[in-house]
């Protein structure tokens, strides 16, 4: 992302949208390196969460209308909690469990209180 979501979302939400091609250029070397490092490892999978923030043309630091990033590459707490369902389902599939077992996995509804 070009700038901090807190700044650009406060000014104009469209300023935060980056072309998919820019994001691809940025993350592709890391994704390719991870895929090479895990090649042949049947129990290892590379997940690219950027795909969850992109449509065919743009990637945005929001999800379901809410800011999901604290800065240009770190999820904030609501953003992380918002991804929990998607990631939980992905892990269930990767672990070879059947879909009904998703309900048995813990769900964090609210962020933990600071001590």
Protein backbone atom coordinates (compact mmCIF):
# COMPACT_ATOMS: atom_id res chain seq x y z
CA UNK A 1 0.00 0.00 0.00
CA UNK A 2 1.27 3.38 -0.93
CA UNK A 3 0.57 5.15 2.36
CA UNK A 4 -0.74 4.48 5.83
CA UNK A 5 -4.41 3.48 5.71
CA UNK A 6 -5.15 5.71 8.69
CA UNK A 7 -4.00 8.72 6.69
CA UNK A 8 -5.46 7.92 3.28
CA UNK A 9 -8.79 6.57 4.58
CA UNK A 10 -9.20 9.78 6.54
CA UNK A 11 -8.77 11.83 3.38
CA UNK A 12 -10.39 9.79 0.61
CA UNK A 13 -10.86 6.02 0.64
CA UNK A 14 -10.00 5.64 -3.04
CA UNK A 15 -6.48 6.96 -2.34
CA UNK A 16 -5.81 3.74 -0.46
CA UNK A 17 -6.53 1.46 -3.42
CA UNK A 18 -3.41 0.11 -5.10
CA UNK A 19 -3.45 -1.58 -8.50
CA UNK A 20 -3.21 -5.35 -8.23
CA UNK A 21 -0.15 -5.22 -10.49
CA UNK A 22 1.70 -3.05 -7.92
CA UNK A 23 0.91 -5.46 -5.10
CA UNK A 24 1.89 -8.44 -7.27
CA UNK A 25 5.24 -6.80 -8.05
CA UNK A 26 5.83 -6.20 -4.35
CA UNK A 27 4.85 -9.63 -2.97
CA UNK A 28 5.70 -11.93 -5.88
CA UNK A 29 9.42 -12.39 -4.99
CA UNK A 30 8.53 -13.40 -1.40
CA UNK A 31 5.73 -15.71 -2.50
CA UNK A 32 7.96 -17.35 -5.11
CA UNK A 33 10.75 -17.83 -2.54
CA UNK A 34 8.32 -19.41 -0.07
CA UNK A 35 6.95 -21.73 -2.75
CA UNK A 36 10.48 -22.79 -3.74
CA UNK A 37 11.41 -23.38 -0.09
CA UNK A 38 8.32 -25.54 0.46
CA UNK A 39 8.37 -27.39 -2.86
CA UNK A 40 7.92 -31.10 -2.32
CA UNK A 41 6.58 -30.64 1.21
CA UNK A 42 3.10 -32.09 0.96
CA UNK A 43 2.04 -30.77 4.37
CA UNK A 44 3.21 -27.22 3.73
CA UNK A 45 1.13 -24.64 1.91
CA UNK A 46 1.75 -21.00 1.07
CA UNK A 47 -1.22 -18.73 1.75
CA UNK A 48 -1.31 -15.29 0.17
CA UNK A 49 -3.72 -13.21 2.24
CA UNK A 50 -3.33 -10.25 -0.11
CA UNK A 51 -5.82 -12.08 -2.33
CA UNK A 52 -8.47 -11.49 0.34
CA UNK A 53 -8.09 -7.72 -0.08
CA UNK A 54 -8.02 -7.53 -3.87
CA UNK A 55 -10.59 -7.61 -6.62
CA UNK A 56 -9.69 -7.88 -10.31
CA UNK A 57 -8.19 -4.38 -10.42
CA UNK A 58 -7.39 -3.03 -6.96
CA UNK A 59 -6.22 -4.03 -3.49
CA UNK A 60 -7.61 -2.07 -0.56
CA UNK A 61 -6.68 -1.94 3.15
CA UNK A 62 -10.33 -2.45 4.04
CA UNK A 63 -12.58 -5.42 4.38
CA UNK A 64 -16.36 -5.23 4.54
CA UNK A 65 -16.06 -1.46 4.74
CA UNK A 66 -13.77 -1.40 7.79
CA UNK A 67 -10.09 -0.51 8.01
CA UNK A 68 -8.12 -3.76 8.33
CA UNK A 69 -4.52 -2.51 8.41
CA UNK A 70 -2.63 -0.53 11.06
CA UNK A 71 -0.02 0.62 8.54
CA UNK A 72 1.01 -0.27 5.01
CA UNK A 73 1.60 -3.98 5.73
CA UNK A 74 0.38 -4.97 9.23
CA UNK A 75 -3.17 -5.98 10.08
CA UNK A 76 -4.84 -4.18 12.96
CA UNK A 77 -6.76 -6.18 15.58
CA UNK A 78 -10.16 -5.86 13.86
CA UNK A 79 -8.50 -6.77 10.55
CA UNK A 80 -6.94 -9.89 12.04
CA UNK A 81 -10.18 -10.91 13.73
CA UNK A 82 -12.03 -10.33 10.48
CA UNK A 83 -9.76 -12.82 8.74
CA UNK A 84 -10.18 -15.43 11.46
CA UNK A 85 -13.09 -17.19 9.76
CA UNK A 86 -11.34 -17.40 6.38
CA UNK A 87 -8.12 -18.63 7.93
CA UNK A 88 -9.90 -21.09 10.22
CA UNK A 89 -11.65 -22.63 7.21
CA UNK A 90 -8.38 -22.81 5.28
CA UNK A 91 -6.65 -24.56 8.18
CA UNK A 92 -9.49 -27.04 8.52
CA UNK A 93 -9.16 -27.94 4.84
CA UNK A 94 -5.37 -28.16 5.10
CA UNK A 95 -5.64 -30.40 8.14
CA UNK A 96 -7.95 -32.69 6.19
CA UNK A 97 -10.90 -32.24 8.52
CA UNK A 98 -14.47 -32.15 7.37
CA UNK A 99 -16.30 -28.81 7.34
CA UNK A 100 -18.54 -29.47 10.40
CA UNK A 101 -15.45 -29.53 12.64
CA UNK A 102 -14.98 -25.81 11.96
CA UNK A 103 -17.55 -25.13 14.66
CA UNK A 104 -15.36 -26.95 17.18
CA UNK A 105 -12.46 -24.55 16.65
CA UNK A 106 -12.19 -21.65 19.09
CA UNK A 107 -13.39 -18.25 17.93
CA UNK A 108 -12.06 -15.04 19.41
CA UNK A 109 -15.01 -12.66 19.33
CA UNK A 110 -13.34 -9.67 20.94
CA UNK A 111 -9.70 -8.70 21.35
CA UNK A 112 -8.14 -9.66 24.68
CA UNK A 113 -7.97 -6.87 27.24
CA UNK A 114 -4.51 -5.45 27.90
CA UNK A 115 -3.02 -6.36 31.25
